[in-house]
Amino acid sequence: KLMEYIEAIEAALGKPAKKNLLPM
């Protein structure tokens, strides 16, 4: 899932992401 992928990047960077939710 895309959100899980983002979580993996956040964990590796040690910093949370601000998210701009957009349509397809």
mmCIF file of all heavy atoms, coordinates in Angstrom:
data_MODEL
# 
_entry.id   MODEL 
# 
loop_
_atom_site.group_PDB 
_atom_site.id 
_atom_site.type_symbol 
_atom_site.label_atom_id 
_atom_site.label_alt_id 
_atom_site.label_comp_id 
_atom_site.label_asym_id 
_atom_site.label_entity_id 
_atom_site.label_seq_id 
_atom_site.pdbx_PDB_ins_code 
_atom_site.Cartn_x 
_atom_site.Cartn_y 
_atom_site.Cartn_z 
_atom_site.occupancy 
_atom_site.B_iso_or_equiv 
_atom_site.pdbx_formal_charge 
_atom_site.auth_seq_id 
_atom_site.auth_comp_id 
_atom_site.auth_asym_id 
_atom_site.auth_atom_id 
_atom_site.pdbx_PDB_model_num 
ATOM 1   N N   . LYS A 1 1  ? 0.844  -1.191 0.000   1.00 0.00 ? 1  LYS A N   1 
ATOM 2   C CA  . LYS A 1 1  ? 0.000  0.000  0.000   1.00 0.00 ? 1  LYS A CA  1 
ATOM 3   C C   . LYS A 1 1  ? 0.883  1.246  0.000   1.00 0.00 ? 1  LYS A C   1 
ATOM 4   O O   . LYS A 1 1  ? 1.918  1.286  0.672   1.00 0.00 ? 1  LYS A O   1 
ATOM 5   C CB  . LYS A 1 1  ? -0.916 0.002  1.224   1.00 0.00 ? 1  LYS A CB  1 
ATOM 6   C CG  . LYS A 1 1  ? -1.975 -1.091 1.212   1.00 0.00 ? 1  LYS A CG  1 
ATOM 7   C CD  . LYS A 1 1  ? -2.838 -1.047 2.468   1.00 0.00 ? 1  LYS A CD  1 
ATOM 8   C CE  . LYS A 1 1  ? -3.899 -2.151 2.445   1.00 0.00 ? 1  LYS A CE  1 
ATOM 9   N NZ  . LYS A 1 1  ? -4.718 -2.152 3.683   1.00 0.00 ? 1  LYS A NZ  1 
ATOM 10  N N   . LEU A 1 2  ? 0.456  2.254  -0.747  1.00 0.00 ? 2  LEU A N   1 
ATOM 11  C CA  . LEU A 1 2  ? 1.265  3.459  -0.868  1.00 0.00 ? 2  LEU A CA  1 
ATOM 12  C C   . LEU A 1 2  ? 1.557  4.073  0.497   1.00 0.00 ? 2  LEU A C   1 
ATOM 13  O O   . LEU A 1 2  ? 2.670  4.531  0.754   1.00 0.00 ? 2  LEU A O   1 
ATOM 14  C CB  . LEU A 1 2  ? 0.552  4.477  -1.765  1.00 0.00 ? 2  LEU A CB  1 
ATOM 15  C CG  . LEU A 1 2  ? 1.282  5.797  -2.003  1.00 0.00 ? 2  LEU A CG  1 
ATOM 16  C CD1 . LEU A 1 2  ? 2.662  5.565  -2.599  1.00 0.00 ? 2  LEU A CD1 1 
ATOM 17  C CD2 . LEU A 1 2  ? 0.455  6.707  -2.912  1.00 0.00 ? 2  LEU A CD2 1 
ATOM 18  N N   . MET A 1 3  ? 0.568  4.080  1.378   1.00 0.00 ? 3  MET A N   1 
ATOM 19  C CA  . MET A 1 3  ? 0.782  4.661  2.705   1.00 0.00 ? 3  MET A CA  1 
ATOM 20  C C   . MET A 1 3  ? 1.838  3.877  3.494   1.00 0.00 ? 3  MET A C   1 
ATOM 21  O O   . MET A 1 3  ? 2.614  4.459  4.254   1.00 0.00 ? 3  MET A O   1 
ATOM 22  C CB  . MET A 1 3  ? -0.538 4.724  3.480   1.00 0.00 ? 3  MET A CB  1 
ATOM 23  C CG  . MET A 1 3  ? -1.503 5.783  2.952   1.00 0.00 ? 3  MET A CG  1 
ATOM 24  S SD  . MET A 1 3  ? -0.789 7.444  2.984   1.00 0.00 ? 3  MET A SD  1 
ATOM 25  C CE  . MET A 1 3  ? -2.249 8.437  2.638   1.00 0.00 ? 3  MET A CE  1 
ATOM 26  N N   . GLU A 1 4  ? 1.894  2.563  3.322   1.00 0.00 ? 4  GLU A N   1 
ATOM 27  C CA  . GLU A 1 4  ? 2.913  1.762  4.000   1.00 0.00 ? 4  GLU A CA  1 
ATOM 28  C C   . GLU A 1 4  ? 4.302  2.074  3.442   1.00 0.00 ? 4  GLU A C   1 
ATOM 29  O O   . GLU A 1 4  ? 5.301  2.090  4.178   1.00 0.00 ? 4  GLU A O   1 
ATOM 30  C CB  . GLU A 1 4  ? 2.607  0.276  3.857   1.00 0.00 ? 4  GLU A CB  1 
ATOM 31  C CG  . GLU A 1 4  ? 1.346  -0.172 4.602   1.00 0.00 ? 4  GLU A CG  1 
ATOM 32  C CD  . GLU A 1 4  ? 1.043  -1.643 4.387   1.00 0.00 ? 4  GLU A CD  1 
ATOM 33  O OE1 . GLU A 1 4  ? 1.883  -2.345 3.772   1.00 0.00 ? 4  GLU A OE1 1 
ATOM 34  O OE2 . GLU A 1 4  ? -0.019 -2.095 4.834   1.00 0.00 ? 4  GLU A OE2 1 
ATOM 35  N N   . TYR A 1 5  ? 4.365  2.319  2.153   1.00 0.00 ? 5  TYR A N   1 
ATOM 36  C CA  . TYR A 1 5  ? 5.620  2.688  1.509   1.00 0.00 ? 5  TYR A CA  1 
ATOM 37  C C   . TYR A 1 5  ? 6.119  4.026  2.060   1.00 0.00 ? 5  TYR A C   1 
ATOM 38  O O   . TYR A 1 5  ? 7.305  4.186  2.369   1.00 0.00 ? 5  TYR A O   1 
ATOM 39  C CB  . TYR A 1 5  ? 5.395  2.756  0.001   1.00 0.00 ? 5  TYR A CB  1 
ATOM 40  C CG  . TYR A 1 5  ? 6.578  3.190  -0.804  1.00 0.00 ? 5  TYR A CG  1 
ATOM 41  C CD1 . TYR A 1 5  ? 7.737  2.436  -0.831  1.00 0.00 ? 5  TYR A CD1 1 
ATOM 42  C CD2 . TYR A 1 5  ? 6.526  4.361  -1.569  1.00 0.00 ? 5  TYR A CD2 1 
ATOM 43  C CE1 . TYR A 1 5  ? 8.824  2.827  -1.595  1.00 0.00 ? 5  TYR A CE1 1 
ATOM 44  C CE2 . TYR A 1 5  ? 7.598  4.758  -2.330  1.00 0.00 ? 5  TYR A CE2 1 
ATOM 45  C CZ  . TYR A 1 5  ? 8.757  3.983  -2.345  1.00 0.00 ? 5  TYR A CZ  1 
ATOM 46  O OH  . TYR A 1 5  ? 9.822  4.374  -3.086  1.00 0.00 ? 5  TYR A OH  1 
ATOM 47  N N   . ILE A 1 6  ? 5.197  4.972  2.182   1.00 0.00 ? 6  ILE A N   1 
ATOM 48  C CA  . ILE A 1 6  ? 5.562  6.272  2.743   1.00 0.00 ? 6  ILE A CA  1 
ATOM 49  C C   . ILE A 1 6  ? 6.046  6.114  4.176   1.00 0.00 ? 6  ILE A C   1 
ATOM 50  O O   . ILE A 1 6  ? 7.030  6.750  4.590   1.00 0.00 ? 6  ILE A O   1 
ATOM 51  C CB  . ILE A 1 6  ? 4.362  7.242  2.657   1.00 0.00 ? 6  ILE A CB  1 
ATOM 52  C CG1 . ILE A 1 6  ? 4.038  7.559  1.185   1.00 0.00 ? 6  ILE A CG1 1 
ATOM 53  C CG2 . ILE A 1 6  ? 4.642  8.535  3.431   1.00 0.00 ? 6  ILE A CG2 1 
ATOM 54  C CD1 . ILE A 1 6  ? 2.737  8.302  0.981   1.00 0.00 ? 6  ILE A CD1 1 
ATOM 55  N N   . GLU A 1 7  ? 5.394  5.252  4.939   1.00 0.00 ? 7  GLU A N   1 
ATOM 56  C CA  . GLU A 1 7  ? 5.817  4.997  6.320   1.00 0.00 ? 7  GLU A CA  1 
ATOM 57  C C   . GLU A 1 7  ? 7.240  4.435  6.367   1.00 0.00 ? 7  GLU A C   1 
ATOM 58  O O   . GLU A 1 7  ? 8.021  4.771  7.267   1.00 0.00 ? 7  GLU A O   1 
ATOM 59  C CB  . GLU A 1 7  ? 4.840  4.039  6.996   1.00 0.00 ? 7  GLU A CB  1 
ATOM 60  C CG  . GLU A 1 7  ? 3.472  4.646  7.301   1.00 0.00 ? 7  GLU A CG  1 
ATOM 61  C CD  . GLU A 1 7  ? 2.458  3.615  7.759   1.00 0.00 ? 7  GLU A CD  1 
ATOM 62  O OE1 . GLU A 1 7  ? 2.842  2.423  7.902   1.00 0.00 ? 7  GLU A OE1 1 
ATOM 63  O OE2 . GLU A 1 7  ? 1.296  3.975  7.956   1.00 0.00 ? 7  GLU A OE2 1 
ATOM 64  N N   . ALA A 1 8  ? 7.587  3.582  5.422   1.00 0.00 ? 8  ALA A N   1 
ATOM 65  C CA  . ALA A 1 8  ? 8.942  3.018  5.380   1.00 0.00 ? 8  ALA A CA  1 
ATOM 66  C C   . ALA A 1 8  ? 9.974  4.112  5.115   1.00 0.00 ? 8  ALA A C   1 
ATOM 67  O O   . ALA A 1 8  ? 11.064 4.108  5.714   1.00 0.00 ? 8  ALA A O   1 
ATOM 68  C CB  . ALA A 1 8  ? 9.034  1.933  4.311   1.00 0.00 ? 8  ALA A CB  1 
ATOM 69  N N   . ILE A 1 9  ? 9.653  5.057  4.232   1.00 0.00 ? 9  ILE A N   1 
ATOM 70  C CA  . ILE A 1 9  ? 10.574 6.165  3.952   1.00 0.00 ? 9  ILE A CA  1 
ATOM 71  C C   . ILE A 1 9  ? 10.673 7.081  5.174   1.00 0.00 ? 9  ILE A C   1 
ATOM 72  O O   . ILE A 1 9  ? 11.771 7.524  5.545   1.00 0.00 ? 9  ILE A O   1 
ATOM 73  C CB  . ILE A 1 9  ? 10.111 6.944  2.706   1.00 0.00 ? 9  ILE A CB  1 
ATOM 74  C CG1 . ILE A 1 9  ? 10.236 6.051  1.459   1.00 0.00 ? 9  ILE A CG1 1 
ATOM 75  C CG2 . ILE A 1 9  ? 10.931 8.224  2.531   1.00 0.00 ? 9  ILE A CG2 1 
ATOM 76  C CD1 . ILE A 1 9  ? 9.803  6.718  0.168   1.00 0.00 ? 9  ILE A CD1 1 
ATOM 77  N N   . GLU A 1 10 ? 9.538  7.352  5.810   1.00 0.00 ? 10 GLU A N   1 
ATOM 78  C CA  . GLU A 1 10 ? 9.546  8.171  7.028   1.00 0.00 ? 10 GLU A CA  1 
ATOM 79  C C   . GLU A 1 10 ? 10.442 7.530  8.097   1.00 0.00 ? 10 GLU A C   1 
ATOM 80  O O   . GLU A 1 10 ? 11.245 8.213  8.743   1.00 0.00 ? 10 GLU A O   1 
ATOM 81  C CB  . GLU A 1 10 ? 8.128  8.321  7.580   1.00 0.00 ? 10 GLU A CB  1 
ATOM 82  C CG  . GLU A 1 10 ? 7.208  9.184  6.733   1.00 0.00 ? 10 GLU A CG  1 
ATOM 83  C CD  . GLU A 1 10 ? 5.773  9.163  7.249   1.00 0.00 ? 10 GLU A CD  1 
ATOM 84  O OE1 . GLU A 1 10 ? 5.301  8.077  7.654   1.00 0.00 ? 10 GLU A OE1 1 
ATOM 85  O OE2 . GLU A 1 10 ? 5.126  10.221 7.231   1.00 0.00 ? 10 GLU A OE2 1 
ATOM 86  N N   . ALA A 1 11 ? 10.310 6.223  8.284   1.00 0.00 ? 11 ALA A N   1 
ATOM 87  C CA  . ALA A 1 11 ? 11.102 5.517  9.302   1.00 0.00 ? 11 ALA A CA  1 
ATOM 88  C C   . ALA A 1 11 ? 12.591 5.587  8.982   1.00 0.00 ? 11 ALA A C   1 
ATOM 89  O O   . ALA A 1 11 ? 13.424 5.809  9.868   1.00 0.00 ? 11 ALA A O   1 
ATOM 90  C CB  . ALA A 1 11 ? 10.635 4.069  9.404   1.00 0.00 ? 11 ALA A CB  1 
ATOM 91  N N   . ALA A 1 12 ? 12.932 5.401  7.710   1.00 0.00 ? 12 ALA A N   1 
ATOM 92  C CA  . ALA A 1 12 ? 14.342 5.419  7.317   1.00 0.00 ? 12 ALA A CA  1 
ATOM 93  C C   . ALA A 1 12 ? 14.944 6.818  7.449   1.00 0.00 ? 12 ALA A C   1 
ATOM 94  O O   . ALA A 1 12 ? 16.125 6.962  7.790   1.00 0.00 ? 12 ALA A O   1 
ATOM 95  C CB  . ALA A 1 12 ? 14.496 4.912  5.889   1.00 0.00 ? 12 ALA A CB  1 
ATOM 96  N N   . LEU A 1 13 ? 14.128 7.837  7.183   1.00 0.00 ? 13 LEU A N   1 
ATOM 97  C CA  . LEU A 1 13 ? 14.598 9.221  7.290   1.00 0.00 ? 13 LEU A CA  1 
ATOM 98  C C   . LEU A 1 13 ? 14.539 9.736  8.725   1.00 0.00 ? 13 LEU A C   1 
ATOM 99  O O   . LEU A 1 13 ? 15.194 10.725 9.061   1.00 0.00 ? 13 LEU A O   1 
ATOM 100 C CB  . LEU A 1 13 ? 13.755 10.139 6.396   1.00 0.00 ? 13 LEU A CB  1 
ATOM 101 C CG  . LEU A 1 13 ? 13.957 10.012 4.886   1.00 0.00 ? 13 LEU A CG  1 
ATOM 102 C CD1 . LEU A 1 13 ? 12.900 10.819 4.143   1.00 0.00 ? 13 LEU A CD1 1 
ATOM 103 C CD2 . LEU A 1 13 ? 15.351 10.474 4.487   1.00 0.00 ? 13 LEU A CD2 1 
ATOM 104 N N   . GLY A 1 14 ? 13.697 9.090  9.547   1.00 0.00 ? 14 GLY A N   1 
ATOM 105 C CA  . GLY A 1 14 ? 13.508 9.561  10.913  1.00 0.00 ? 14 GLY A CA  1 
ATOM 106 C C   . GLY A 1 14 ? 12.749 10.857 10.982  1.00 0.00 ? 14 GLY A C   1 
ATOM 107 O O   . GLY A 1 14 ? 12.956 11.666 11.904  1.00 0.00 ? 14 GLY A O   1 
ATOM 108 N N   . LYS A 1 15 ? 11.825 11.051 10.025  1.00 0.00 ? 15 LYS A N   1 
ATOM 109 C CA  . LYS A 1 15 ? 11.078 12.309 9.978   1.00 0.00 ? 15 LYS A CA  1 
ATOM 110 C C   . LYS A 1 15 ? 9.720  12.053 9.338   1.00 0.00 ? 15 LYS A C   1 
ATOM 111 O O   . LYS A 1 15 ? 9.641  11.368 8.300   1.00 0.00 ? 15 LYS A O   1 
ATOM 112 C CB  . LYS A 1 15 ? 11.853 13.357 9.176   1.00 0.00 ? 15 LYS A CB  1 
ATOM 113 C CG  . LYS A 1 15 ? 11.272 14.762 9.226   1.00 0.00 ? 15 LYS A CG  1 
ATOM 114 C CD  . LYS A 1 15 ? 12.183 15.755 8.528   1.00 0.00 ? 15 LYS A CD  1 
ATOM 115 C CE  . LYS A 1 15 ? 11.604 17.166 8.586   1.00 0.00 ? 15 LYS A CE  1 
ATOM 116 N NZ  . LYS A 1 15 ? 12.471 18.145 7.904   1.00 0.00 ? 15 LYS A NZ  1 
ATOM 117 N N   . PRO A 1 16 ? 8.621  12.570 9.912   1.00 0.00 ? 16 PRO A N   1 
ATOM 118 C CA  . PRO A 1 16 ? 7.294  12.339 9.328   1.00 0.00 ? 16 PRO A CA  1 
ATOM 119 C C   . PRO A 1 16 ? 7.064  13.191 8.089   1.00 0.00 ? 16 PRO A C   1 
ATOM 120 O O   . PRO A 1 16 ? 7.689  14.242 7.913   1.00 0.00 ? 16 PRO A O   1 
ATOM 121 C CB  . PRO A 1 16 ? 6.332  12.748 10.458  1.00 0.00 ? 16 PRO A CB  1 
ATOM 122 C CG  . PRO A 1 16 ? 7.097  13.781 11.224  1.00 0.00 ? 16 PRO A CG  1 
ATOM 123 C CD  . PRO A 1 16 ? 8.537  13.343 11.174  1.00 0.00 ? 16 PRO A CD  1 
ATOM 124 N N   . ALA A 1 17 ? 6.159  12.707 7.236   1.00 0.00 ? 17 ALA A N   1 
ATOM 125 C CA  . ALA A 1 17 ? 5.827  13.422 6.010   1.00 0.00 ? 17 ALA A CA  1 
ATOM 126 C C   . ALA A 1 17 ? 4.545  14.230 6.176   1.00 0.00 ? 17 ALA A C   1 
ATOM 127 O O   . ALA A 1 17 ? 3.599  13.780 6.817   1.00 0.00 ? 17 ALA A O   1 
ATOM 128 C CB  . ALA A 1 17 ? 5.652  12.433 4.860   1.00 0.00 ? 17 ALA A CB  1 
ATOM 129 N N   . LYS A 1 18 ? 4.542  15.412 5.590   1.00 0.00 ? 18 LYS A N   1 
ATOM 130 C CA  . LYS A 1 18 ? 3.297  16.157 5.415   1.00 0.00 ? 18 LYS A CA  1 
ATOM 131 C C   . LYS A 1 18 ? 2.685  15.681 4.113   1.00 0.00 ? 18 LYS A C   1 
ATOM 132 O O   . LYS A 1 18 ? 3.404  15.551 3.107   1.00 0.00 ? 18 LYS A O   1 
ATOM 133 C CB  . LYS A 1 18 ? 3.578  17.654 5.354   1.00 0.00 ? 18 LYS A CB  1 
ATOM 134 C CG  . LYS A 1 18 ? 4.256  18.221 6.588   1.00 0.00 ? 18 LYS A CG  1 
ATOM 135 C CD  . LYS A 1 18 ? 4.639  19.683 6.365   1.00 0.00 ? 18 LYS A CD  1 
ATOM 136 C CE  . LYS A 1 18 ? 5.398  20.236 7.571   1.00 0.00 ? 18 LYS A CE  1 
ATOM 137 N NZ  . LYS A 1 18 ? 5.849  21.640 7.335   1.00 0.00 ? 18 LYS A NZ  1 
ATOM 138 N N   . LYS A 1 19 ? 1.390  15.405 4.114   1.00 0.00 ? 19 LYS A N   1 
ATOM 139 C CA  . LYS A 1 19 ? 0.773  14.771 2.951   1.00 0.00 ? 19 LYS A CA  1 
ATOM 140 C C   . LYS A 1 19 ? -0.270 15.684 2.295   1.00 0.00 ? 19 LYS A C   1 
ATOM 141 O O   . LYS A 1 19 ? -1.144 16.224 2.978   1.00 0.00 ? 19 LYS A O   1 
ATOM 142 C CB  . LYS A 1 19 ? 0.130  13.440 3.351   1.00 0.00 ? 19 LYS A CB  1 
ATOM 143 C CG  . LYS A 1 19 ? 1.110  12.450 3.970   1.00 0.00 ? 19 LYS A CG  1 
ATOM 144 C CD  . LYS A 1 19 ? 0.415  11.191 4.435   1.00 0.00 ? 19 LYS A CD  1 
ATOM 145 C CE  . LYS A 1 19 ? 1.371  10.240 5.120   1.00 0.00 ? 19 LYS A CE  1 
ATOM 146 N NZ  . LYS A 1 19 ? 1.838  10.749 6.427   1.00 0.00 ? 19 LYS A NZ  1 
ATOM 147 N N   . ASN A 1 20 ? -0.151 15.809 0.983   1.00 0.00 ? 20 ASN A N   1 
ATOM 148 C CA  . ASN A 1 20 ? -1.111 16.550 0.184   1.00 0.00 ? 20 ASN A CA  1 
ATOM 149 C C   . ASN A 1 20 ? -1.925 15.524 -0.603  1.00 0.00 ? 20 ASN A C   1 
ATOM 150 O O   . ASN A 1 20 ? -1.467 15.003 -1.626  1.00 0.00 ? 20 ASN A O   1 
ATOM 151 C CB  . ASN A 1 20 ? -0.376 17.508 -0.760  1.00 0.00 ? 20 ASN A CB  1 
ATOM 152 C CG  . ASN A 1 20 ? -1.308 18.366 -1.577  1.00 0.00 ? 20 ASN A CG  1 
ATOM 153 O OD1 . ASN A 1 20 ? -2.461 18.588 -1.191  1.00 0.00 ? 20 ASN A OD1 1 
ATOM 154 N ND2 . ASN A 1 20 ? -0.828 18.854 -2.710  1.00 0.00 ? 20 ASN A ND2 1 
ATOM 155 N N   . LEU A 1 21 ? -3.125 15.172 -0.096  1.00 0.00 ? 21 LEU A N   1 
ATOM 156 C CA  . LEU A 1 21 ? -3.926 14.115 -0.707  1.00 0.00 ? 21 LEU A CA  1 
ATOM 157 C C   . LEU A 1 21 ? -4.627 14.647 -1.957  1.00 0.00 ? 21 LEU A C   1 
ATOM 158 O O   . LEU A 1 21 ? -5.337 15.654 -1.912  1.00 0.00 ? 21 LEU A O   1 
ATOM 159 C CB  . LEU A 1 21 ? -4.950 13.590 0.305   1.00 0.00 ? 21 LEU A CB  1 
ATOM 160 C CG  . LEU A 1 21 ? -4.356 13.007 1.596   1.00 0.00 ? 21 LEU A CG  1 
ATOM 161 C CD1 . LEU A 1 21 ? -5.460 12.520 2.523   1.00 0.00 ? 21 LEU A CD1 1 
ATOM 162 C CD2 . LEU A 1 21 ? -3.390 11.871 1.289   1.00 0.00 ? 21 LEU A CD2 1 
ATOM 163 N N   . LEU A 1 22 ? -4.418 13.936 -3.075  1.00 0.00 ? 22 LEU A N   1 
ATOM 164 C CA  . LEU A 1 22 ? -4.915 14.381 -4.377  1.00 0.00 ? 22 LEU A CA  1 
ATOM 165 C C   . LEU A 1 22 ? -5.667 13.257 -5.067  1.00 0.00 ? 22 LEU A C   1 
ATOM 166 O O   . LEU A 1 22 ? -5.489 12.077 -4.749  1.00 0.00 ? 22 LEU A O   1 
ATOM 167 C CB  . LEU A 1 22 ? -3.736 14.820 -5.261  1.00 0.00 ? 22 LEU A CB  1 
ATOM 168 C CG  . LEU A 1 22 ? -2.903 15.995 -4.745  1.00 0.00 ? 22 LEU A CG  1 
ATOM 169 C CD1 . LEU A 1 22 ? -1.654 16.150 -5.597  1.00 0.00 ? 22 LEU A CD1 1 
ATOM 170 C CD2 . LEU A 1 22 ? -3.724 17.276 -4.746  1.00 0.00 ? 22 LEU A CD2 1 
ATOM 171 N N   . PRO A 1 23 ? -6.525 13.592 -6.067  1.00 0.00 ? 23 PRO A N   1 
ATOM 172 C CA  . PRO A 1 23 ? -7.210 12.539 -6.825  1.00 0.00 ? 23 PRO A CA  1 
ATOM 173 C C   . PRO A 1 23 ? -6.255 11.793 -7.754  1.00 0.00 ? 23 PRO A C   1 
ATOM 174 O O   . PRO A 1 23 ? -5.114 12.211 -7.964  1.00 0.00 ? 23 PRO A O   1 
ATOM 175 C CB  . PRO A 1 23 ? -8.262 13.320 -7.618  1.00 0.00 ? 23 PRO A CB  1 
ATOM 176 C CG  . PRO A 1 23 ? -7.719 14.705 -7.729  1.00 0.00 ? 23 PRO A CG  1 
ATOM 177 C CD  . PRO A 1 23 ? -6.951 14.944 -6.461  1.00 0.00 ? 23 PRO A CD  1 
ATOM 178 N N   . MET A 1 24 ? -6.724 10.710 -8.317  1.00 0.00 ? 24 MET A N   1 
ATOM 179 C CA  . MET A 1 24 ? -5.936 9.924  -9.275  1.00 0.00 ? 24 MET A CA  1 
ATOM 180 C C   . MET A 1 24 ? -5.597 10.787 -10.484 1.00 0.00 ? 24 MET A C   1 
ATOM 181 O O   . MET A 1 24 ? -6.412 11.561 -10.964 1.00 0.00 ? 24 MET A O   1 
ATOM 182 C CB  . MET A 1 24 ? -6.741 8.702  -9.729  1.00 0.00 ? 24 MET A CB  1 
ATOM 183 C CG  . MET A 1 24 ? -6.028 7.832  -10.727 1.00 0.00 ? 24 MET A CG  1 
ATOM 184 S SD  . MET A 1 24 ? -4.864 6.705  -9.965  1.00 0.00 ? 24 MET A SD  1 
ATOM 185 C CE  . MET A 1 24 ? -5.972 5.381  -9.491  1.00 0.00 ? 24 MET A CE  1 
# 
